[in-house]
Amino acid sequence: MRRIEKKAWPDLFEKVWTGKKTFDARLNDFKCKEGDILILREWDPKTKKYTGRVLEKKVAFVITTKELSKFWSKAEIEKYGFQVIGFKQ
């Protein structure tokens, strides 16, 4: 089991915080597997600082894909693909 720390933007962090969002989509530039702990630290892109809110979620499954997205450049997508991370409640 690994502990993996990642930034989370406020709108998406809030949805995970409230339980509405039970997965996470990330650029597949790091290894993540079932049983790992994903630590989400809320990051404010306007101030470029962490807000202090932190969540820890146990990874239930990981799906990787190379579908296109508006969040990353085509070069990044081609190099890494994506991963979708589901959380245990």
PDB file of N, CA and C in Angstrom:
ATOM      1  N   MET A   1       0.850  -1.191   0.000  1.00  0.00           N
ATOM      2  CA  MET A   1       0.000   0.000   0.000  1.00  0.00           C
ATOM      3  C   MET A   1       0.887   1.242   0.000  1.00  0.00           C
ATOM      4  N   ARG A   2       0.589   2.148  -0.912  1.00  0.00           N
ATOM      5  CA  ARG A   2       1.306   3.419  -0.994  1.00  0.00           C
ATOM      6  C   ARG A   2       0.376   4.549  -0.611  1.00  0.00           C
ATOM      7  N   ARG A   3       0.962   5.630  -0.140  1.00  0.00           N
ATOM      8  CA  ARG A   3       0.233   6.870   0.131  1.00  0.00           C
ATOM      9  C   ARG A   3       0.675   7.865  -0.938  1.00  0.00           C
ATOM     10  N   ILE A   4      -0.294   8.349  -1.708  1.00  0.00           N
ATOM     11  CA  ILE A   4      -0.003   9.216  -2.850  1.00  0.00           C
ATOM     12  C   ILE A   4      -0.704  10.547  -2.633  1.00  0.00           C
ATOM     13  N   GLU A   5       0.065  11.630  -2.656  1.00  0.00           N
ATOM     14  CA  GLU A   5      -0.495  12.965  -2.416  1.00  0.00           C
ATOM     15  C   GLU A   5      -0.658  13.717  -3.731  1.00  0.00           C
ATOM     16  N   LYS A   6      -1.848  14.318  -3.922  1.00  0.00           N
ATOM     17  CA  LYS A   6      -2.148  15.075  -5.138  1.00  0.00           C
ATOM     18  C   LYS A   6      -2.920  16.344  -4.803  1.00  0.00           C
ATOM     19  N   LYS A   7      -2.760  17.352  -5.640  1.00  0.00           N
ATOM     20  CA  LYS A   7      -3.542  18.584  -5.539  1.00  0.00           C
ATOM     21  C   LYS A   7      -4.958  18.329  -6.034  1.00  0.00           C
ATOM     22  N   ALA A   8      -5.918  19.045  -5.472  1.00  0.00           N
ATOM     23  CA  ALA A   8      -7.305  18.980  -5.944  1.00  0.00           C
ATOM     24  C   ALA A   8      -7.865  20.402  -5.973  1.00  0.00           C
ATOM     25  N   TRP A   9      -8.409  20.807  -7.104  1.00  0.00           N
ATOM     26  CA  TRP A   9      -8.985  22.141  -7.228  1.00  0.00           C
ATOM     27  C   TRP A   9     -10.252  22.229  -6.396  1.00  0.00           C
ATOM     28  N   PRO A  10     -10.591  23.409  -5.884  1.00  0.00           N
ATOM     29  CA  PRO A  10     -11.696  23.567  -4.936  1.00  0.00           C
ATOM     30  C   PRO A  10     -13.034  22.972  -5.359  1.00  0.00           C
ATOM     31  N   ASP A  11     -13.466  23.173  -6.598  1.00  0.00           N
ATOM     32  CA  ASP A  11     -14.783  22.667  -7.000  1.00  0.00           C
ATOM     33  C   ASP A  11     -14.842  21.141  -6.981  1.00  0.00           C
ATOM     34  N   LEU A  12     -13.790  20.485  -7.438  1.00  0.00           N
ATOM     35  CA  LEU A  12     -13.763  19.028  -7.437  1.00  0.00           C
ATOM     36  C   LEU A  12     -13.495  18.482  -6.031  1.00  0.00           C
ATOM     37  N   PHE A  13     -12.652  19.163  -5.268  1.00  0.00           N
ATOM     38  CA  PHE A  13     -12.394  18.759  -3.886  1.00  0.00           C
ATOM     39  C   PHE A  13     -13.689  18.752  -3.085  1.00  0.00           C
ATOM     40  N   GLU A  14     -14.490  19.796  -3.243  1.00  0.00           N
ATOM     41  CA  GLU A  14     -15.745  19.924  -2.503  1.00  0.00           C
ATOM     42  C   GLU A  14     -16.692  18.755  -2.818  1.00  0.00           C
ATOM     43  N   LYS A  15     -16.732  18.332  -4.068  1.00  0.00           N
ATOM     44  CA  LYS A  15     -17.611  17.226  -4.452  1.00  0.00           C
ATOM     45  C   LYS A  15     -17.165  15.905  -3.821  1.00  0.00           C
ATOM     46  N   VAL A  16     -15.866  15.715  -3.689  1.00  0.00           N
ATOM     47  CA  VAL A  16     -15.362  14.526  -3.002  1.00  0.00           C
ATOM     48  C   VAL A  16     -15.639  14.660  -1.508  1.00  0.00           C
ATOM     49  N   TRP A  17     -15.407  15.848  -0.954  1.00  0.00           N
ATOM     50  CA  TRP A  17     -15.619  16.128   0.471  1.00  0.00           C
ATOM     51  C   TRP A  17     -17.056  15.781   0.896  1.00  0.00           C
ATOM     52  N   THR A  18     -18.033  16.162   0.051  1.00  0.00           N
ATOM     53  CA  THR A  18     -19.446  15.932   0.383  1.00  0.00           C
ATOM     54  C   THR A  18     -19.919  14.519   0.040  1.00  0.00           C
ATOM     55  N   GLY A  19     -19.094  13.750  -0.670  1.00  0.00           N
ATOM     56  CA  GLY A  19     -19.466  12.389  -1.044  1.00  0.00           C
ATOM     57  C   GLY A  19     -20.169  12.281  -2.374  1.00  0.00           C
ATOM     58  N   LYS A  20     -20.395  13.414  -3.035  1.00  0.00           N
ATOM     59  CA  LYS A  20     -21.065  13.396  -4.336  1.00  0.00           C
ATOM     60  C   LYS A  20     -20.179  12.749  -5.407  1.00  0.00           C
ATOM     61  N   LYS A  21     -18.887  12.997  -5.327  1.00  0.00           N
ATOM     62  CA  LYS A  21     -17.931  12.467  -6.298  1.00  0.00           C
ATOM     63  C   LYS A  21     -17.117  11.372  -5.624  1.00  0.00           C
ATOM     64  N   THR A  22     -17.215  10.148  -6.144  1.00  0.00           N
ATOM     65  CA  THR A  22     -16.547   9.003  -5.518  1.00  0.00           C
ATOM     66  C   THR A  22     -15.436   8.415  -6.393  1.00  0.00           C
ATOM     67  N   PHE A  23     -14.929   9.220  -7.289  1.00  0.00           N
ATOM     68  CA  PHE A  23     -13.840   8.798  -8.169  1.00  0.00           C
ATOM     69  C   PHE A  23     -12.968  10.002  -8.467  1.00  0.00           C
ATOM     70  N   ASP A  24     -11.836   9.762  -9.083  1.00  0.00           N
ATOM     71  CA  ASP A  24     -10.992  10.873  -9.511  1.00  0.00           C
ATOM     72  C   ASP A  24     -10.358  10.516 -10.844  1.00  0.00           C
ATOM     73  N   ALA A  25     -10.290  11.464 -11.757  1.00  0.00           N
ATOM     74  CA  ALA A  25      -9.627  11.280 -13.045  1.00  0.00           C
ATOM     75  C   ALA A  25      -8.320  12.052 -13.002  1.00  0.00           C
ATOM     76  N   ARG A  26      -7.237  11.379 -13.292  1.00  0.00           N
ATOM     77  CA  ARG A  26      -5.907  11.978 -13.215  1.00  0.00           C
ATOM     78  C   ARG A  26      -5.095  11.624 -14.441  1.00  0.00           C
ATOM     79  N   LEU A  27      -4.147  12.482 -14.762  1.00  0.00           N
ATOM     80  CA  LEU A  27      -3.165  12.157 -15.772  1.00  0.00           C
ATOM     81  C   LEU A  27      -2.409  10.926 -15.278  1.00  0.00           C
ATOM     82  N   ASN A  28      -2.203   9.960 -16.129  1.00  0.00           N
ATOM     83  CA  ASN A  28      -1.588   8.698 -15.733  1.00  0.00           C
ATOM     84  C   ASN A  28      -0.061   8.811 -15.696  1.00  0.00           C
ATOM     85  N   ASP A  29       0.439   9.799 -14.946  1.00  0.00           N
ATOM     86  CA  ASP A  29       1.880  10.019 -14.842  1.00  0.00           C
ATOM     87  C   ASP A  29       2.454   9.537 -13.505  1.00  0.00           C
ATOM     88  N   PHE A  30       1.657   8.724 -12.785  1.00  0.00           N
ATOM     89  CA  PHE A  30       2.128   8.107 -11.543  1.00  0.00           C
ATOM     90  C   PHE A  30       1.425   6.758 -11.397  1.00  0.00           C
ATOM     91  N   LYS A  31       2.007   5.879 -10.612  1.00  0.00           N
ATOM     92  CA  LYS A  31       1.428   4.552 -10.405  1.00  0.00           C
ATOM     93  C   LYS A  31       0.460   4.592  -9.234  1.00  0.00           C
ATOM     94  N   CYS A  32      -0.698   3.983  -9.423  1.00  0.00           N
ATOM     95  CA  CYS A  32      -1.734   3.930  -8.406  1.00  0.00           C
ATOM     96  C   CYS A  32      -2.453   2.602  -8.565  1.00  0.00           C
ATOM     97  N   LYS A  33      -2.680   1.889  -7.450  1.00  0.00           N
ATOM     98  CA  LYS A  33      -3.359   0.608  -7.547  1.00  0.00           C
ATOM     99  C   LYS A  33      -4.319   0.416  -6.381  1.00  0.00           C
ATOM    100  N   GLU A  34      -5.168  -0.593  -6.501  1.00  0.00           N
ATOM    101  CA  GLU A  34      -6.133  -0.913  -5.462  1.00  0.00           C
ATOM    102  C   GLU A  34      -5.431  -1.070  -4.117  1.00  0.00           C
ATOM    103  N   GLY A  35      -6.006  -0.452  -3.092  1.00  0.00           N
ATOM    104  CA  GLY A  35      -5.452  -0.528  -1.744  1.00  0.00           C
ATOM    105  C   GLY A  35      -4.580   0.665  -1.367  1.00  0.00           C
ATOM    106  N   ASP A  36      -4.097   1.413  -2.370  1.00  0.00           N
ATOM    107  CA  ASP A  36      -3.319   2.616  -2.080  1.00  0.00           C
ATOM    108  C   ASP A  36      -4.217   3.665  -1.429  1.00  0.00           C
ATOM    109  N   ILE A  37      -3.610   4.636  -0.773  1.00  0.00           N
ATOM    110  CA  ILE A  37      -4.338   5.757  -0.188  1.00  0.00           C
ATOM    111  C   ILE A  37      -4.019   7.003  -1.010  1.00  0.00           C
ATOM    112  N   LEU A  38      -5.060   7.632  -1.548  1.00  0.00           N
ATOM    113  CA  LEU A  38      -4.894   8.878  -2.297  1.00  0.00           C
ATOM    114  C   LEU A  38      -5.206  10.028  -1.343  1.00  0.00           C
ATOM    115  N   ILE A  39      -4.215  10.875  -1.138  1.00  0.00           N
ATOM    116  CA  ILE A  39      -4.359  12.034  -0.264  1.00  0.00           C
ATOM    117  C   ILE A  39      -4.593  13.246  -1.152  1.00  0.00           C
ATOM    118  N   LEU A  40      -5.779  13.833  -1.035  1.00  0.00           N
ATOM    119  CA  LEU A  40      -6.133  15.015  -1.823  1.00  0.00           C
ATOM    120  C   LEU A  40      -5.980  16.247  -0.960  1.00  0.00           C
ATOM    121  N   ARG A  41      -5.151  17.175  -1.416  1.00  0.00           N
ATOM    122  CA  ARG A  41      -4.959  18.449  -0.722  1.00  0.00           C
ATOM    123  C   ARG A  41      -5.580  19.541  -1.587  1.00  0.00           C
ATOM    124  N   GLU A  42      -6.541  20.274  -1.023  1.00  0.00           N
ATOM    125  CA  GLU A  42      -7.227  21.324  -1.783  1.00  0.00           C
ATOM    126  C   GLU A  42      -6.239  22.430  -2.150  1.00  0.00           C
ATOM    127  N   TRP A  43      -6.219  22.755  -3.433  1.00  0.00           N
ATOM    128  CA  TRP A  43      -5.298  23.742  -4.000  1.00  0.00           C
ATOM    129  C   TRP A  43      -6.105  24.844  -4.666  1.00  0.00           C
ATOM    130  N   ASP A  44      -5.822  26.073  -4.313  1.00  0.00           N
ATOM    131  CA  ASP A  44      -6.502  27.208  -4.933  1.00  0.00           C
ATOM    132  C   ASP A  44      -5.638  27.737  -6.073  1.00  0.00           C
ATOM    133  N   PRO A  45      -6.065  27.549  -7.332  1.00  0.00           N
ATOM    134  CA  PRO A  45      -5.250  27.987  -8.462  1.00  0.00           C
ATOM    135  C   PRO A  45      -5.125  29.509  -8.566  1.00  0.00           C
ATOM    136  N   LYS A  46      -6.047  30.237  -7.939  1.00  0.00           N
ATOM    137  CA  LYS A  46      -5.976  31.701  -7.973  1.00  0.00           C
ATOM    138  C   LYS A  46      -4.863  32.223  -7.077  1.00  0.00           C
ATOM    139  N   THR A  47      -4.770  31.679  -5.870  1.00  0.00           N
ATOM    140  CA  THR A  47      -3.741  32.123  -4.922  1.00  0.00           C
ATOM    141  C   THR A  47      -2.460  31.305  -5.042  1.00  0.00           C
ATOM    142  N   LYS A  48      -2.566  30.160  -5.737  1.00  0.00           N
ATOM    143  CA  LYS A  48      -1.450  29.221  -5.882  1.00  0.00           C
ATOM    144  C   LYS A  48      -0.950  28.737  -4.521  1.00  0.00           C
ATOM    145  N   LYS A  49      -1.938  28.465  -3.640  1.00  0.00           N
ATOM    146  CA  LYS A  49      -1.620  27.968  -2.300  1.00  0.00           C
ATOM    147  C   LYS A  49      -2.615  26.877  -1.914  1.00  0.00           C
ATOM    148  N   TYR A  50      -2.176  26.016  -0.998  1.00  0.00           N
ATOM    149  CA  TYR A  50      -3.079  25.024  -0.427  1.00  0.00           C
ATOM    150  C   TYR A  50      -4.010  25.717   0.553  1.00  0.00           C
ATOM    151  N   THR A  51      -5.254  25.231   0.625  1.00  0.00           N
ATOM    152  CA  THR A  51      -6.246  25.840   1.524  1.00  0.00           C
ATOM    153  C   THR A  51      -6.160  25.287   2.938  1.00  0.00           C
ATOM    154  N   GLY A  52      -5.554  24.132   3.094  1.00  0.00           N
ATOM    155  CA  GLY A  52      -5.470  23.483   4.400  1.00  0.00           C
ATOM    156  C   GLY A  52      -6.402  22.290   4.528  1.00  0.00           C
ATOM    157  N   ARG A  53      -7.379  22.169   3.611  1.00  0.00           N
ATOM    158  CA  ARG A  53      -8.278  21.014   3.667  1.00  0.00           C
ATOM    159  C   ARG A  53      -7.615  19.813   2.996  1.00  0.00           C
ATOM    160  N   VAL A  54      -7.724  18.663   3.663  1.00  0.00           N
ATOM    161  CA  VAL A  54      -7.089  17.434   3.179  1.00  0.00           C
ATOM    162  C   VAL A  54      -8.068  16.273   3.344  1.00  0.00           C
ATOM    163  N   LEU A  55      -8.107  15.397   2.347  1.00  0.00           N
ATOM    164  CA  LEU A  55      -8.917  14.171   2.382  1.00  0.00           C
ATOM    165  C   LEU A  55      -8.017  12.982   2.104  1.00  0.00           C
ATOM    166  N   GLU A  56      -8.307  11.857   2.736  1.00  0.00           N
ATOM    167  CA  GLU A  56      -7.627  10.605   2.418  1.00  0.00           C
ATOM    168  C   GLU A  56      -8.680   9.608   1.970  1.00  0.00           C
ATOM    169  N   LYS A  57      -8.454   8.998   0.807  1.00  0.00           N
ATOM    170  CA  LYS A  57      -9.387   8.030   0.247  1.00  0.00           C
ATOM    171  C   LYS A  57      -8.639   6.754  -0.139  1.00  0.00           C
ATOM    172  N   LYS A  58      -9.212   5.618   0.231  1.00  0.00           N
ATOM    173  CA  LYS A  58      -8.641   4.334  -0.162  1.00  0.00           C
ATOM    174  C   LYS A  58      -9.064   4.028  -1.588  1.00  0.00           C
ATOM    175  N   VAL A  59      -8.120   3.631  -2.415  1.00  0.00           N
ATOM    176  CA  VAL A  59      -8.383   3.345  -3.824  1.00  0.00           C
ATOM    177  C   VAL A  59      -9.038   1.965  -3.949  1.00  0.00           C
ATOM    178  N   ALA A  60     -10.221   1.923  -4.567  1.00  0.00           N
ATOM    179  CA  ALA A  60     -10.953   0.674  -4.772  1.00  0.00           C
ATOM    180  C   ALA A  60     -10.604   0.036  -6.119  1.00  0.00           C
ATOM    181  N   PHE A  61     -10.384   0.863  -7.142  1.00  0.00           N
ATOM    182  CA  PHE A  61     -10.019   0.354  -8.467  1.00  0.00           C
ATOM    183  C   PHE A  61      -9.399   1.479  -9.284  1.00  0.00           C
ATOM    184  N   VAL A  62      -8.673   1.106 -10.328  1.00  0.00           N
ATOM    185  CA  VAL A  62      -8.063   2.082 -11.244  1.00  0.00           C
ATOM    186  C   VAL A  62      -8.314   1.603 -12.669  1.00  0.00           C
ATOM    187  N   ILE A  63      -8.813   2.497 -13.504  1.00  0.00           N
ATOM    188  CA  ILE A  63      -8.998   2.226 -14.928  1.00  0.00           C
ATOM    189  C   ILE A  63      -8.135   3.229 -15.684  1.00  0.00           C
ATOM    190  N   THR A  64      -7.347   2.750 -16.626  1.00  0.00           N
ATOM    191  CA  THR A  64      -6.549   3.677 -17.431  1.00  0.00           C
ATOM    192  C   THR A  64      -7.101   3.721 -18.853  1.00  0.00           C
ATOM    193  N   THR A  65      -6.979   4.864 -19.486  1.00  0.00           N
ATOM    194  CA  THR A  65      -7.469   5.049 -20.844  1.00  0.00           C
ATOM    195  C   THR A  65      -6.695   6.182 -21.506  1.00  0.00           C
ATOM    196  N   LYS A  66      -6.765   6.275 -22.782  1.00  0.00           N
ATOM    197  CA  LYS A  66      -6.109   7.353 -23.516  1.00  0.00           C
ATOM    198  C   LYS A  66      -7.111   8.212 -24.279  1.00  0.00           C
ATOM    199  N   GLU A  67      -8.326   8.313 -23.741  1.00  0.00           N
ATOM    200  CA  GLU A  67      -9.325   9.173 -24.376  1.00  0.00           C
ATOM    201  C   GLU A  67      -8.913  10.640 -24.233  1.00  0.00           C
ATOM    202  N   LEU A  68      -9.347  11.445 -25.166  1.00  0.00           N
ATOM    203  CA  LEU A  68      -8.988  12.858 -25.147  1.00  0.00           C
ATOM    204  C   LEU A  68      -9.729  13.624 -24.058  1.00  0.00           C
ATOM    205  N   SER A  69      -9.143  14.696 -23.596  1.00  0.00           N
ATOM    206  CA  SER A  69      -9.765  15.536 -22.575  1.00  0.00           C
ATOM    207  C   SER A  69      -9.340  16.981 -22.788  1.00  0.00           C
ATOM    208  N   LYS A  70     -10.112  17.874 -22.228  1.00  0.00           N
ATOM    209  CA  LYS A  70      -9.790  19.302 -22.340  1.00  0.00           C
ATOM    210  C   LYS A  70      -8.810  19.767 -21.266  1.00  0.00           C
ATOM    211  N   PHE A  71      -8.478  18.907 -20.305  1.00  0.00           N
ATOM    212  CA  PHE A  71      -7.665  19.329 -19.169  1.00  0.00           C
ATOM    213  C   PHE A  71      -6.156  19.259 -19.401  1.00  0.00           C
ATOM    214  N   TRP A  72      -5.708  18.416 -20.345  1.00  0.00           N
ATOM    215  CA  TRP A  72      -4.276  18.249 -20.572  1.00  0.00           C
ATOM    216  C   TRP A  72      -3.952  18.437 -22.045  1.00  0.00           C
ATOM    217  N   SER A  73      -2.711  18.743 -22.324  1.00  0.00           N
ATOM    218  CA  SER A  73      -2.305  18.926 -23.720  1.00  0.00           C
ATOM    219  C   SER A  73      -2.311  17.578 -24.440  1.00  0.00           C
ATOM    220  N   LYS A  74      -2.410  17.630 -25.765  1.00  0.00           N
ATOM    221  CA  LYS A  74      -2.403  16.409 -26.567  1.00  0.00           C
ATOM    222  C   LYS A  74      -1.110  15.632 -26.342  1.00  0.00           C
ATOM    223  N   ALA A  75      -0.005  16.333 -26.195  1.00  0.00           N
ATOM    224  CA  ALA A  75       1.285  15.677 -25.959  1.00  0.00           C
ATOM    225  C   ALA A  75       1.277  14.905 -24.630  1.00  0.00           C
ATOM    226  N   GLU A  76       0.706  15.509 -23.579  1.00  0.00           N
ATOM    227  CA  GLU A  76       0.629  14.822 -22.289  1.00  0.00           C
ATOM    228  C   GLU A  76      -0.272  13.591 -22.374  1.00  0.00           C
ATOM    229  N   ILE A  77      -1.409  13.741 -23.062  1.00  0.00           N
ATOM    230  CA  ILE A  77      -2.335  12.621 -23.217  1.00  0.00           C
ATOM    231  C   ILE A  77      -1.667  11.485 -23.982  1.00  0.00           C
ATOM    232  N   GLU A  78      -0.982  11.818 -25.056  1.00  0.00           N
ATOM    233  CA  GLU A  78      -0.299  10.806 -25.851  1.00  0.00           C
ATOM    234  C   GLU A  78       0.776  10.093 -25.035  1.00  0.00           C
ATOM    235  N   LYS A  79       1.472  10.837 -24.193  1.00  0.00           N
ATOM    236  CA  LYS A  79       2.557  10.254 -23.401  1.00  0.00           C
ATOM    237  C   LYS A  79       2.041   9.396 -22.251  1.00  0.00           C
ATOM    238  N   TYR A  80       1.024   9.880 -21.512  1.00  0.00           N
ATOM    239  CA  TYR A  80       0.600   9.229 -20.273  1.00  0.00           C
ATOM    240  C   TYR A  80      -0.758   8.539 -20.319  1.00  0.00           C
ATOM    241  N   GLY A  81      -1.701   9.043 -21.116  1.00  0.00           N
ATOM    242  CA  GLY A  81      -3.070   8.551 -21.025  1.00  0.00           C
ATOM    243  C   GLY A  81      -3.707   9.064 -19.747  1.00  0.00           C
ATOM    244  N   PHE A  82      -4.794   8.433 -19.294  1.00  0.00           N
ATOM    245  CA  PHE A  82      -5.500   8.862 -18.090  1.00  0.00           C
ATOM    246  C   PHE A  82      -5.661   7.699 -17.130  1.00  0.00           C
ATOM    247  N   GLN A  83      -6.048   8.013 -15.908  1.00  0.00           N
ATOM    248  CA  GLN A  83      -6.516   7.003 -14.975  1.00  0.00           C
ATOM    249  C   GLN A  83      -7.714   7.561 -14.241  1.00  0.00           C
ATOM    250  N   VAL A  84      -8.682   6.708 -13.977  1.00  0.00           N
ATOM    251  CA  VAL A  84      -9.865   7.063 -13.212  1.00  0.00           C
ATOM    252  C   VAL A  84      -9.775   6.284 -11.905  1.00  0.00           C
ATOM    253  N   ILE A  85      -9.871   6.986 -10.791  1.00  0.00           N
ATOM    254  CA  ILE A  85      -9.643   6.379  -9.487  1.00  0.00           C
ATOM    255  C   ILE A  85     -10.964   6.386  -8.711  1.00  0.00           C
ATOM    256  N   GLY A  86     -11.448   5.218  -8.328  1.00  0.00           N
ATOM    257  CA  GLY A  86     -12.667   5.097  -7.536  1.00  0.00           C
ATOM    258  C   GLY A  86     -12.332   4.976  -6.059  1.00  0.00           C
ATOM    259  N   PHE A  87     -13.156   5.545  -5.194  1.00  0.00           N
ATOM    260  CA  PHE A  87     -12.913   5.541  -3.762  1.00  0.00           C
ATOM    261  C   PHE A  87     -13.868   4.599  -3.038  1.00  0.00           C
ATOM    262  N   LYS A  88     -13.388   3.945  -1.993  1.00  0.00           N
ATOM    263  CA  LYS A  88     -14.267   3.177  -1.101  1.00  0.00           C
ATOM    264  C   LYS A  88     -14.910   4.143  -0.143  1.00  0.00           C
ATOM    265  N   GLN A  89     -16.191   3.934   0.151  1.00  0.00           N
ATOM    266  CA  GLN A  89     -16.905   4.816   1.079  1.00  0.00           C
ATOM    267  C   GLN A  89     -16.738   4.376   2.497  1.00  0.00           C
TER     268      GLN A  89
END
